[in-house]
Protein backbone atom coordinates (compact mmCIF):
# COMPACT_ATOMS: atom_id res chain seq x y z
CA MET A 1 108.42 87.51 92.25
CA ALA A 2 105.32 88.83 90.57
CA PRO A 3 103.62 91.78 92.27
CA LYS A 4 100.32 89.92 92.58
CA ASP A 5 102.08 87.20 94.56
CA LYS A 6 103.33 89.78 97.04
CA LEU A 7 99.86 91.26 97.47
CA GLU A 8 97.90 88.00 97.24
CA GLY A 9 96.20 89.40 94.16
CA ASP A 10 94.39 86.16 93.34
CA ALA A 11 91.75 87.02 95.95
CA LEU A 12 90.95 90.32 94.22
CA PRO A 13 88.78 90.99 91.16
CA ILE A 14 90.63 90.77 87.84
CA SER A 15 90.43 94.53 87.28
CA GLN A 16 91.96 95.16 90.70
CA GLN A 17 94.75 92.66 89.97
CA ALA A 18 95.47 94.47 86.73
CA TYR A 19 95.47 97.84 88.50
CA ILE A 20 97.91 96.64 91.16
CA TYR A 21 100.16 94.99 88.60
CA ARG A 22 100.19 98.08 86.37
CA THR A 23 100.83 100.33 89.37
CA TYR A 24 103.81 98.23 90.38
CA LEU A 25 105.23 98.31 86.87
CA GLU A 26 104.80 102.07 86.46
CA ALA A 27 106.05 102.89 89.95
CA ASP A 28 108.96 100.44 89.78
CA ASN A 29 107.88 99.00 93.15
CA THR A 30 107.54 102.41 94.81
CA VAL A 31 105.41 101.86 97.89
CA ALA A 32 103.78 105.29 97.90
CA LEU A 33 101.85 104.65 94.68
CA THR A 34 100.41 101.24 95.51
CA PRO A 35 96.86 100.80 96.85
CA LYS A 36 96.79 101.58 100.56
CA SER A 37 94.50 98.72 101.53
CA THR A 38 97.10 96.14 100.48
CA ASP A 39 100.16 98.19 101.47
CA ASN A 40 99.56 98.54 105.17
CA GLY A 41 99.38 94.83 105.95
CA PHE A 42 102.49 94.07 103.92
CA ILE A 43 104.52 96.91 105.43
CA PHE A 44 103.34 96.07 108.93
CA SER A 45 104.32 92.42 108.62
CA LEU A 46 107.69 93.43 107.18
CA LEU A 47 108.20 95.84 110.08
CA MET A 48 107.31 93.14 112.61
CA VAL A 49 109.88 90.78 111.08
CA VAL A 50 112.55 93.46 111.37
CA LEU A 51 111.63 94.22 114.97
CA LYS A 52 111.69 90.53 115.92
CA PHE A 53 115.07 90.15 114.27
CA GLN A 54 116.45 93.16 116.12
CA GLY A 55 115.02 91.87 119.40
CA ILE A 56 116.83 88.54 119.06
CA ILE A 57 120.16 90.30 118.50
């Protein structure tokens, strides 16, 4: 999956898409180096999925 798909990059300016994509390539998907504004929502939703899954079990 392309990084811009994960971050919904289509809604961002082209330069911001390029920055995010380049950051993902250089960081090899390391979360700490990605832009914070897009990180927090993605991490939070991922955390909520994990918590829901744990709650069911």
